[in-house]
C-alpha cells in the first residue's frame, strides 16, 4: 500500500470515520437546538423534523413508519403524536384509499417556523456542496449510500438485540 500526501489508507479511514462521527454529533446538537427553539423534548423535535422532511420529499409518514424511524414503541409514538398534535405542530389525516391508514402532516403554523430555523442550515450546506462537481457529489452520494446500507445491516443483524453483554447479546464474562 503506497503512502501519499494523505498518509496511509488506515489514517485516511480514521479521518473519515472521525469526520462522520463529528458530523453526526453536530447534527444531533442541531436537532436539540431545534427542540429548544420550539420548546419541545428532543425526541418530539426529531420526530417533527422527520415528519417535515418526509412531507417535503413527497412521501409523508404513517405513525408506524415514524415509530420505526424514531425507535419508539407504538404506544410511545402515539403519546408523542398526541403531544405534537396538542401543540399544533402536526395534523393526522386519512388520505389513503385504505381509510385505516393515517398520514402525518405538519400543521400550517409550524412550517414557516421550521423553514425559519432550517434556512441557514440549508443555505450553508447548499453553498458548501456547490464547491464540488456533480461527479464528486455522485461519488460522495454513493459512498454515503453504501455506508448507510452497512449501518442498516449492522442494526438489523449484529445490533438488533440491545441487551448488555455486547453486540451479539452474549453475556460479558
N, C-alpha and C. Protein backbone atom coordinates (compact mmCIF):
# COMPACT_ATOMS: atom_id res chain seq x y z
N UNK A 1 0.84 -1.17 0.00
CA UNK A 1 0.00 0.00 0.00
C UNK A 1 0.89 1.23 0.00
N UNK A 2 0.75 2.09 -0.97
CA UNK A 2 1.61 3.25 -1.12
C UNK A 2 1.15 4.38 -0.21
N UNK A 3 2.14 5.06 0.38
CA UNK A 3 1.87 6.27 1.16
C UNK A 3 1.85 7.43 0.17
N UNK A 4 0.97 8.36 0.39
CA UNK A 4 0.92 9.54 -0.47
C UNK A 4 0.73 10.78 0.39
N UNK A 5 0.33 11.88 -0.23
CA UNK A 5 0.18 13.13 0.50
C UNK A 5 -0.89 13.07 1.58
N UNK A 6 -1.76 12.09 1.55
CA UNK A 6 -2.82 11.96 2.54
C UNK A 6 -2.46 11.00 3.66
N UNK A 7 -1.27 10.43 3.64
CA UNK A 7 -0.88 9.46 4.64
C UNK A 7 -1.36 8.08 4.27
N UNK A 8 -1.32 7.18 5.23
CA UNK A 8 -1.71 5.81 4.95
C UNK A 8 -3.22 5.70 4.74
N UNK A 9 -3.63 4.61 4.12
CA UNK A 9 -5.06 4.34 3.90
C UNK A 9 -5.77 4.24 5.25
N UNK A 10 -5.11 3.61 6.22
CA UNK A 10 -5.71 3.48 7.55
C UNK A 10 -5.92 4.86 8.19
N UNK A 11 -4.95 5.74 8.06
CA UNK A 11 -5.08 7.10 8.61
C UNK A 11 -6.20 7.86 7.91
N UNK A 12 -6.33 7.66 6.62
CA UNK A 12 -7.40 8.31 5.88
C UNK A 12 -8.77 7.80 6.34
N UNK A 13 -8.89 6.48 6.51
CA UNK A 13 -10.15 5.90 7.01
C UNK A 13 -10.47 6.45 8.39
N UNK A 14 -9.44 6.56 9.25
CA UNK A 14 -9.64 7.11 10.59
C UNK A 14 -10.16 8.55 10.52
N UNK A 15 -9.58 9.35 9.61
CA UNK A 15 -10.03 10.74 9.47
C UNK A 15 -11.48 10.79 8.97
N UNK A 16 -11.82 9.91 8.02
CA UNK A 16 -13.19 9.86 7.52
C UNK A 16 -14.17 9.45 8.62
N UNK A 17 -13.82 8.42 9.38
CA UNK A 17 -14.70 7.97 10.46
C UNK A 17 -14.87 9.07 11.51
N UNK A 18 -13.81 9.76 11.84
CA UNK A 18 -13.91 10.86 12.80
C UNK A 18 -14.77 11.99 12.24
N UNK A 19 -14.62 12.28 10.96
CA UNK A 19 -15.45 13.31 10.35
C UNK A 19 -16.92 12.95 10.35
N UNK A 20 -17.24 11.70 10.05
CA UNK A 20 -18.63 11.24 10.08
C UNK A 20 -19.18 11.27 11.51
N UNK A 21 -18.37 10.82 12.46
CA UNK A 21 -18.79 10.85 13.86
C UNK A 21 -19.07 12.27 14.31
N UNK A 22 -18.16 13.19 13.99
CA UNK A 22 -18.32 14.59 14.39
C UNK A 22 -19.54 15.23 13.72
N UNK A 23 -19.76 14.92 12.43
CA UNK A 23 -20.93 15.45 11.74
C UNK A 23 -22.21 14.94 12.40
N UNK A 24 -22.24 13.65 12.73
CA UNK A 24 -23.40 13.08 13.41
C UNK A 24 -23.65 13.75 14.75
N UNK A 25 -22.58 13.98 15.51
CA UNK A 25 -22.71 14.65 16.81
C UNK A 25 -23.22 16.08 16.62
N UNK A 26 -22.69 16.77 15.61
CA UNK A 26 -23.15 18.14 15.33
C UNK A 26 -24.62 18.15 14.92
N UNK A 27 -25.02 17.17 14.11
CA UNK A 27 -26.41 17.12 13.67
C UNK A 27 -27.33 16.84 14.87
N UNK A 28 -26.89 15.99 15.78
CA UNK A 28 -27.66 15.74 16.99
C UNK A 28 -27.81 17.02 17.80
N UNK A 29 -26.72 17.76 17.95
CA UNK A 29 -26.76 19.04 18.65
C UNK A 29 -27.71 20.01 17.94
N UNK A 30 -27.66 20.02 16.62
CA UNK A 30 -28.53 20.88 15.81
C UNK A 30 -30.00 20.57 16.08
N UNK A 31 -30.36 19.28 16.09
CA UNK A 31 -31.76 18.92 16.33
C UNK A 31 -32.16 19.23 17.77
N UNK A 32 -31.22 19.14 18.72
CA UNK A 32 -31.53 19.51 20.10
C UNK A 32 -31.79 21.01 20.21
N UNK A 33 -31.08 21.79 19.43
CA UNK A 33 -31.33 23.24 19.42
C UNK A 33 -32.67 23.56 18.77
N UNK A 34 -33.05 22.79 17.75
CA UNK A 34 -34.37 22.93 17.15
C UNK A 34 -35.43 22.65 18.20
N UNK A 35 -35.22 21.61 18.99
CA UNK A 35 -36.15 21.27 20.06
C UNK A 35 -36.27 22.42 21.06
N UNK A 36 -35.14 22.94 21.51
CA UNK A 36 -35.17 24.04 22.48
C UNK A 36 -35.84 25.27 21.88
N UNK A 37 -35.57 25.53 20.62
CA UNK A 37 -36.14 26.69 19.92
C UNK A 37 -37.67 26.60 19.88
N UNK A 38 -38.18 25.38 19.74
CA UNK A 38 -39.63 25.17 19.71
C UNK A 38 -40.22 24.89 21.10
N UNK A 39 -39.35 24.69 22.09
CA UNK A 39 -39.82 24.35 23.43
C UNK A 39 -40.32 22.92 23.52
N UNK A 40 -39.68 22.02 22.77
CA UNK A 40 -40.08 20.61 22.73
C UNK A 40 -38.99 19.73 23.32
N UNK A 41 -39.37 18.52 23.71
CA UNK A 41 -38.40 17.49 24.07
C UNK A 41 -37.65 17.12 22.80
N UNK A 42 -36.40 16.73 22.91
CA UNK A 42 -35.59 16.43 21.72
C UNK A 42 -36.19 15.30 20.88
N UNK A 43 -36.79 14.29 21.51
CA UNK A 43 -37.42 13.20 20.75
C UNK A 43 -38.60 13.73 19.94
N UNK A 44 -39.39 14.61 20.53
CA UNK A 44 -40.53 15.20 19.82
C UNK A 44 -40.06 16.03 18.64
N UNK A 45 -39.00 16.81 18.85
CA UNK A 45 -38.48 17.64 17.75
C UNK A 45 -37.88 16.79 16.64
N UNK A 46 -37.19 15.70 17.01
CA UNK A 46 -36.63 14.80 15.98
C UNK A 46 -37.76 14.17 15.17
N UNK A 47 -38.84 13.78 15.84
CA UNK A 47 -39.99 13.21 15.13
C UNK A 47 -40.62 14.26 14.22
N UNK A 48 -40.77 15.48 14.72
CA UNK A 48 -41.32 16.55 13.90
C UNK A 48 -40.45 16.81 12.68
N UNK A 49 -39.13 16.81 12.87
CA UNK A 49 -38.21 17.00 11.74
C UNK A 49 -38.37 15.87 10.72
N UNK A 50 -38.54 14.63 11.18
CA UNK A 50 -38.75 13.51 10.27
C UNK A 50 -40.07 13.67 9.51
N UNK A 51 -41.10 14.13 10.19
CA UNK A 51 -42.40 14.35 9.53
C UNK A 51 -42.27 15.43 8.47
N UNK A 52 -41.62 16.54 8.81
CA UNK A 52 -41.42 17.63 7.85
C UNK A 52 -40.60 17.17 6.65
N UNK A 53 -39.51 16.45 6.91
CA UNK A 53 -38.64 16.00 5.83
C UNK A 53 -39.37 15.04 4.90
N UNK A 54 -40.08 14.07 5.48
CA UNK A 54 -40.81 13.10 4.65
C UNK A 54 -41.86 13.80 3.79
N UNK A 55 -42.53 14.77 4.39
CA UNK A 55 -43.53 15.53 3.65
C UNK A 55 -42.88 16.32 2.51
N UNK A 56 -41.73 16.93 2.78
CA UNK A 56 -41.00 17.67 1.74
C UNK A 56 -40.58 16.76 0.59
N UNK A 57 -40.30 15.50 0.90
CA UNK A 57 -39.87 14.53 -0.12
C UNK A 57 -41.06 13.93 -0.87
N UNK A 58 -42.29 14.34 -0.49
CA UNK A 58 -43.49 13.83 -1.15
C UNK A 58 -43.88 12.44 -0.70
N UNK A 59 -43.37 12.02 0.47
CA UNK A 59 -43.64 10.69 0.98
C UNK A 59 -43.97 10.78 2.48
N UNK A 60 -45.13 11.37 2.81
CA UNK A 60 -45.45 11.57 4.22
C UNK A 60 -45.49 10.26 4.99
N UNK A 61 -45.18 10.36 6.27
CA UNK A 61 -45.08 9.19 7.13
C UNK A 61 -46.43 8.78 7.72
N UNK A 62 -46.53 7.51 8.03
CA UNK A 62 -47.61 6.98 8.85
C UNK A 62 -47.07 6.91 10.28
N UNK A 63 -47.93 6.77 11.27
CA UNK A 63 -47.41 6.59 12.64
C UNK A 63 -46.50 5.37 12.77
N UNK A 64 -46.82 4.28 12.09
CA UNK A 64 -45.97 3.08 12.17
C UNK A 64 -44.58 3.35 11.61
N UNK A 65 -44.51 4.04 10.49
CA UNK A 65 -43.20 4.35 9.88
C UNK A 65 -42.42 5.31 10.77
N UNK A 66 -43.11 6.30 11.35
CA UNK A 66 -42.43 7.21 12.26
C UNK A 66 -41.89 6.45 13.47
N UNK A 67 -42.67 5.52 13.98
CA UNK A 67 -42.24 4.70 15.12
C UNK A 67 -40.93 3.99 14.82
N UNK A 68 -40.81 3.45 13.60
CA UNK A 68 -39.55 2.80 13.19
C UNK A 68 -38.41 3.80 13.14
N UNK A 69 -38.67 4.97 12.58
CA UNK A 69 -37.62 5.98 12.38
C UNK A 69 -37.09 6.53 13.69
N UNK A 70 -37.97 6.70 14.69
CA UNK A 70 -37.53 7.27 15.96
C UNK A 70 -37.30 6.22 17.03
N UNK A 71 -37.43 4.95 16.67
CA UNK A 71 -37.17 3.81 17.56
C UNK A 71 -37.98 3.87 18.85
N UNK A 72 -39.29 4.07 18.70
CA UNK A 72 -40.19 4.06 19.84
C UNK A 72 -41.26 2.98 19.63
N UNK A 73 -41.81 2.51 20.72
CA UNK A 73 -42.93 1.57 20.63
C UNK A 73 -44.13 2.30 20.04
N UNK A 74 -45.13 1.54 19.61
CA UNK A 74 -46.32 2.19 19.05
C UNK A 74 -47.02 3.03 20.10
N UNK A 75 -47.04 2.58 21.34
CA UNK A 75 -47.67 3.36 22.41
C UNK A 75 -46.94 4.66 22.68
N UNK A 76 -45.61 4.59 22.73
CA UNK A 76 -44.82 5.81 22.96
C UNK A 76 -44.95 6.77 21.77
N UNK A 77 -45.03 6.21 20.57
CA UNK A 77 -45.22 7.04 19.38
C UNK A 77 -46.59 7.73 19.42
N UNK A 78 -47.61 7.02 19.85
CA UNK A 78 -48.94 7.62 19.97
C UNK A 78 -48.91 8.78 20.97
N UNK A 79 -48.25 8.59 22.10
CA UNK A 79 -48.14 9.67 23.09
C UNK A 79 -47.39 10.86 22.51
N UNK A 80 -46.31 10.60 21.78
CA UNK A 80 -45.53 11.65 21.13
C UNK A 80 -46.41 12.42 20.14
N UNK A 81 -47.15 11.68 19.30
CA UNK A 81 -48.02 12.32 18.31
C UNK A 81 -49.13 13.12 18.98
N UNK A 82 -49.64 12.63 20.08
CA UNK A 82 -50.66 13.38 20.82
C UNK A 82 -50.10 14.72 21.31
N UNK A 83 -48.85 14.70 21.80
CA UNK A 83 -48.21 15.95 22.26
C UNK A 83 -48.02 16.92 21.11
N UNK A 84 -47.50 16.40 19.96
CA UNK A 84 -47.26 17.27 18.80
C UNK A 84 -48.58 17.83 18.26
N UNK A 85 -49.61 17.02 18.26
CA UNK A 85 -50.91 17.47 17.77
C UNK A 85 -51.50 18.51 18.73
N UNK A 86 -51.41 18.27 20.03
CA UNK A 86 -51.95 19.22 21.02
C UNK A 86 -51.22 20.56 20.96
N UNK A 87 -49.92 20.53 20.61
CA UNK A 87 -49.13 21.76 20.49
C UNK A 87 -49.41 22.48 19.17
N UNK A 88 -50.17 21.84 18.28
CA UNK A 88 -50.49 22.45 17.00
C UNK A 88 -49.41 22.30 15.95
N UNK A 89 -48.51 21.32 16.13
CA UNK A 89 -47.40 21.15 15.20
C UNK A 89 -47.70 20.17 14.07
N UNK A 90 -48.60 19.22 14.31
CA UNK A 90 -48.94 18.24 13.28
C UNK A 90 -50.44 18.05 13.19
N UNK A 91 -50.85 17.46 12.08
CA UNK A 91 -52.23 17.01 11.91
C UNK A 91 -52.18 15.57 11.38
N UNK A 92 -53.16 14.79 11.79
CA UNK A 92 -53.29 13.43 11.29
C UNK A 92 -54.47 13.42 10.33
N UNK A 93 -54.27 12.77 9.21
CA UNK A 93 -55.36 12.71 8.23
C UNK A 93 -55.46 11.31 7.66
N UNK A 94 -56.56 11.06 7.00
CA UNK A 94 -56.78 9.76 6.34
C UNK A 94 -56.91 10.04 4.85
N UNK A 95 -55.78 10.06 4.18
CA UNK A 95 -55.72 10.41 2.76
C UNK A 95 -55.66 9.20 1.86
N UNK A 96 -55.27 8.09 2.39
CA UNK A 96 -55.05 6.87 1.63
C UNK A 96 -56.39 6.25 1.25
N UNK A 97 -56.40 5.50 0.17
CA UNK A 97 -57.63 4.80 -0.21
C UNK A 97 -58.06 3.83 0.87
N UNK A 98 -57.09 3.26 1.58
CA UNK A 98 -57.38 2.45 2.75
C UNK A 98 -57.52 3.42 3.93
N UNK A 99 -58.75 3.72 4.32
CA UNK A 99 -59.03 4.76 5.31
C UNK A 99 -58.48 4.42 6.70
N UNK A 100 -57.98 3.20 6.90
CA UNK A 100 -57.37 2.86 8.18
C UNK A 100 -55.98 3.48 8.32
N UNK A 101 -55.36 3.84 7.20
CA UNK A 101 -54.00 4.36 7.21
C UNK A 101 -54.03 5.85 7.53
N UNK A 102 -53.30 6.22 8.57
CA UNK A 102 -53.21 7.62 9.00
C UNK A 102 -51.94 8.22 8.38
N UNK A 103 -52.07 9.44 7.86
CA UNK A 103 -50.95 10.18 7.30
C UNK A 103 -50.62 11.33 8.24
N UNK A 104 -49.33 11.52 8.50
CA UNK A 104 -48.87 12.60 9.37
C UNK A 104 -48.42 13.78 8.51
N UNK A 105 -48.94 14.94 8.83
CA UNK A 105 -48.59 16.17 8.11
C UNK A 105 -48.22 17.25 9.12
N UNK A 106 -47.35 18.15 8.70
CA UNK A 106 -47.06 19.31 9.53
C UNK A 106 -48.25 20.26 9.46
N UNK A 107 -48.45 21.00 10.52
CA UNK A 107 -49.55 21.96 10.53
C UNK A 107 -49.12 23.21 9.76
N UNK A 108 -50.07 23.96 9.24
CA UNK A 108 -49.72 25.20 8.54
C UNK A 108 -48.94 26.18 9.44
N UNK A 109 -49.16 26.12 10.75
CA UNK A 109 -48.48 27.05 11.66
C UNK A 109 -47.01 26.70 11.87
N UNK A 110 -46.65 25.42 11.81
CA UNK A 110 -45.27 25.03 12.12
C UNK A 110 -44.33 25.17 10.93
N UNK A 111 -44.84 25.02 9.73
CA UNK A 111 -43.97 25.04 8.54
C UNK A 111 -43.13 26.32 8.46
N UNK A 112 -43.72 27.52 8.59
CA UNK A 112 -42.87 28.73 8.49
C UNK A 112 -41.82 28.80 9.61
N UNK A 113 -42.16 28.30 10.78
CA UNK A 113 -41.19 28.31 11.89
C UNK A 113 -40.04 27.36 11.59
N UNK A 114 -40.36 26.18 11.07
CA UNK A 114 -39.31 25.22 10.72
C UNK A 114 -38.43 25.76 9.60
N UNK A 115 -39.06 26.38 8.59
CA UNK A 115 -38.28 26.95 7.49
C UNK A 115 -37.36 28.06 8.00
N UNK A 116 -37.84 28.85 8.95
CA UNK A 116 -37.01 29.91 9.54
C UNK A 116 -35.80 29.31 10.23
N UNK A 117 -36.02 28.25 11.01
CA UNK A 117 -34.92 27.63 11.74
C UNK A 117 -33.93 26.96 10.80
N UNK A 118 -34.43 26.21 9.82
CA UNK A 118 -33.56 25.42 8.95
C UNK A 118 -32.95 26.20 7.79
N UNK A 119 -33.41 27.43 7.53
CA UNK A 119 -32.91 28.20 6.38
C UNK A 119 -31.39 28.38 6.40
N UNK A 120 -30.78 28.81 7.50
CA UNK A 120 -29.32 28.95 7.48
C UNK A 120 -28.60 27.63 7.21
N UNK A 121 -29.10 26.54 7.76
CA UNK A 121 -28.52 25.21 7.52
C UNK A 121 -28.58 24.88 6.04
N UNK A 122 -29.76 25.04 5.45
CA UNK A 122 -29.94 24.74 4.03
C UNK A 122 -29.05 25.60 3.16
N UNK A 123 -29.00 26.89 3.46
CA UNK A 123 -28.17 27.81 2.67
C UNK A 123 -26.69 27.45 2.75
N UNK A 124 -26.20 27.19 3.94
CA UNK A 124 -24.77 26.88 4.09
C UNK A 124 -24.41 25.53 3.49
N UNK A 125 -25.26 24.55 3.67
CA UNK A 125 -24.98 23.24 3.09
C UNK A 125 -25.02 23.30 1.56
N UNK A 126 -25.98 24.04 1.02
CA UNK A 126 -26.06 24.21 -0.44
C UNK A 126 -24.81 24.91 -0.96
N UNK A 127 -24.37 25.95 -0.26
CA UNK A 127 -23.16 26.66 -0.67
C UNK A 127 -21.94 25.75 -0.61
N UNK A 128 -21.84 24.96 0.45
CA UNK A 128 -20.70 24.05 0.57
C UNK A 128 -20.70 23.02 -0.55
N UNK A 129 -21.85 22.44 -0.83
CA UNK A 129 -21.92 21.42 -1.88
C UNK A 129 -21.69 22.00 -3.28
N UNK A 130 -21.97 23.27 -3.45
CA UNK A 130 -21.78 23.89 -4.77
C UNK A 130 -20.30 24.00 -5.15
N UNK A 131 -19.41 23.77 -4.20
CA UNK A 131 -17.98 23.82 -4.48
C UNK A 131 -17.47 22.54 -5.15
N UNK A 132 -18.31 21.54 -5.24
CA UNK A 132 -17.92 20.25 -5.79
C UNK A 132 -18.62 20.00 -7.13
N UNK A 133 -17.96 19.22 -7.96
CA UNK A 133 -18.57 18.89 -9.25
C UNK A 133 -19.68 17.87 -9.05
N UNK A 134 -20.53 17.74 -10.06
CA UNK A 134 -21.59 16.73 -9.99
C UNK A 134 -21.00 15.34 -9.82
N UNK A 135 -19.89 15.07 -10.49
CA UNK A 135 -19.25 13.75 -10.39
C UNK A 135 -18.74 13.51 -8.96
N UNK A 136 -18.13 14.52 -8.35
CA UNK A 136 -17.66 14.37 -6.98
C UNK A 136 -18.83 14.12 -6.02
N UNK A 137 -19.90 14.88 -6.21
CA UNK A 137 -21.07 14.70 -5.35
C UNK A 137 -21.70 13.33 -5.56
N UNK A 138 -21.68 12.83 -6.79
CA UNK A 138 -22.21 11.49 -7.08
C UNK A 138 -21.38 10.44 -6.36
N UNK A 139 -20.05 10.59 -6.40
CA UNK A 139 -19.18 9.65 -5.69
C UNK A 139 -19.47 9.70 -4.19
N UNK A 140 -19.64 10.90 -3.65
CA UNK A 140 -19.92 11.04 -2.23
C UNK A 140 -21.30 10.46 -1.90
N UNK A 141 -22.27 10.71 -2.76
CA UNK A 141 -23.61 10.16 -2.59
C UNK A 141 -23.56 8.62 -2.55
N UNK A 142 -22.80 8.03 -3.47
CA UNK A 142 -22.64 6.58 -3.49
C UNK A 142 -21.98 6.08 -2.20
N UNK A 143 -20.95 6.78 -1.77
CA UNK A 143 -20.22 6.43 -0.55
C UNK A 143 -21.17 6.45 0.65
N UNK A 144 -21.93 7.53 0.81
CA UNK A 144 -22.87 7.65 1.92
C UNK A 144 -23.95 6.57 1.82
N UNK A 145 -24.43 6.31 0.62
CA UNK A 145 -25.44 5.26 0.42
C UNK A 145 -24.92 3.90 0.90
N UNK A 146 -23.67 3.59 0.55
CA UNK A 146 -23.09 2.31 0.95
C UNK A 146 -22.85 2.27 2.46
N UNK A 147 -22.39 3.37 3.04
CA UNK A 147 -22.20 3.41 4.49
C UNK A 147 -23.53 3.23 5.21
N UNK A 148 -24.56 3.89 4.71
CA UNK A 148 -25.89 3.76 5.32
C UNK A 148 -26.39 2.32 5.22
N UNK A 149 -26.19 1.69 4.07
CA UNK A 149 -26.58 0.29 3.92
C UNK A 149 -25.85 -0.61 4.90
N UNK A 150 -24.56 -0.34 5.10
CA UNK A 150 -23.78 -1.11 6.06
C UNK A 150 -24.33 -0.92 7.47
N UNK A 151 -24.63 0.34 7.83
CA UNK A 151 -25.17 0.62 9.16
C UNK A 151 -26.55 -0.02 9.33
N UNK A 152 -27.40 0.07 8.31
CA UNK A 152 -28.73 -0.56 8.38
C UNK A 152 -28.58 -2.07 8.61
N UNK A 153 -27.64 -2.69 7.90
CA UNK A 153 -27.41 -4.12 8.04
C UNK A 153 -26.91 -4.46 9.44
N UNK A 154 -25.98 -3.67 9.95
CA UNK A 154 -25.47 -3.90 11.31
C UNK A 154 -26.60 -3.81 12.33
N UNK A 155 -27.43 -2.77 12.20
CA UNK A 155 -28.53 -2.59 13.16
C UNK A 155 -29.55 -3.71 13.07
N UNK A 156 -29.78 -4.23 11.87
CA UNK A 156 -30.75 -5.31 11.68
C UNK A 156 -30.20 -6.67 12.10
N UNK A 157 -28.89 -6.83 12.04
CA UNK A 157 -28.29 -8.13 12.31
C UNK A 157 -27.54 -8.13 13.65
N UNK A 158 -26.31 -7.70 13.65
CA UNK A 158 -25.48 -7.78 14.85
C UNK A 158 -26.01 -7.00 16.04
N UNK A 159 -26.66 -5.85 15.80
CA UNK A 159 -27.07 -4.98 16.90
C UNK A 159 -28.58 -4.93 17.09
N UNK A 160 -29.29 -5.94 16.65
CA UNK A 160 -30.75 -5.92 16.75
C UNK A 160 -31.23 -6.10 18.17
N UNK A 161 -30.45 -6.78 19.00
CA UNK A 161 -30.82 -7.04 20.39
C UNK A 161 -29.93 -6.18 21.29
N UNK A 162 -30.48 -5.10 21.84
CA UNK A 162 -29.64 -4.15 22.59
C UNK A 162 -29.34 -4.56 24.02
N UNK A 163 -29.42 -5.85 24.33
CA UNK A 163 -29.12 -6.29 25.69
C UNK A 163 -27.66 -6.06 26.03
N UNK A 164 -27.37 -5.87 27.33
CA UNK A 164 -25.97 -5.75 27.76
C UNK A 164 -25.19 -7.01 27.45
N UNK A 165 -23.91 -6.86 27.28
CA UNK A 165 -23.07 -8.03 27.06
C UNK A 165 -22.48 -8.05 25.67
N UNK A 166 -22.65 -6.99 24.92
CA UNK A 166 -22.01 -6.94 23.61
C UNK A 166 -22.99 -7.01 22.47
N UNK A 167 -22.51 -6.67 21.27
CA UNK A 167 -23.36 -6.62 20.09
C UNK A 167 -24.11 -7.91 19.80
N UNK A 168 -23.52 -9.05 20.08
CA UNK A 168 -24.18 -10.30 19.75
C UNK A 168 -25.15 -10.76 20.84
N UNK A 169 -25.19 -9.99 21.93
CA UNK A 169 -26.07 -10.36 23.04
C UNK A 169 -25.47 -11.39 23.98
N UNK A 170 -24.18 -11.73 23.78
CA UNK A 170 -23.52 -12.69 24.65
C UNK A 170 -23.25 -12.03 26.00
N UNK A 171 -23.30 -12.80 27.02
CA UNK A 171 -23.02 -12.30 28.37
C UNK A 171 -21.56 -11.91 28.45
N UNK A 172 -21.29 -10.79 29.12
CA UNK A 172 -19.92 -10.38 29.37
C UNK A 172 -19.32 -11.34 30.40
N UNK A 173 -18.09 -11.62 30.27
CA UNK A 173 -17.55 -12.56 31.24
C UNK A 173 -16.15 -12.62 31.31
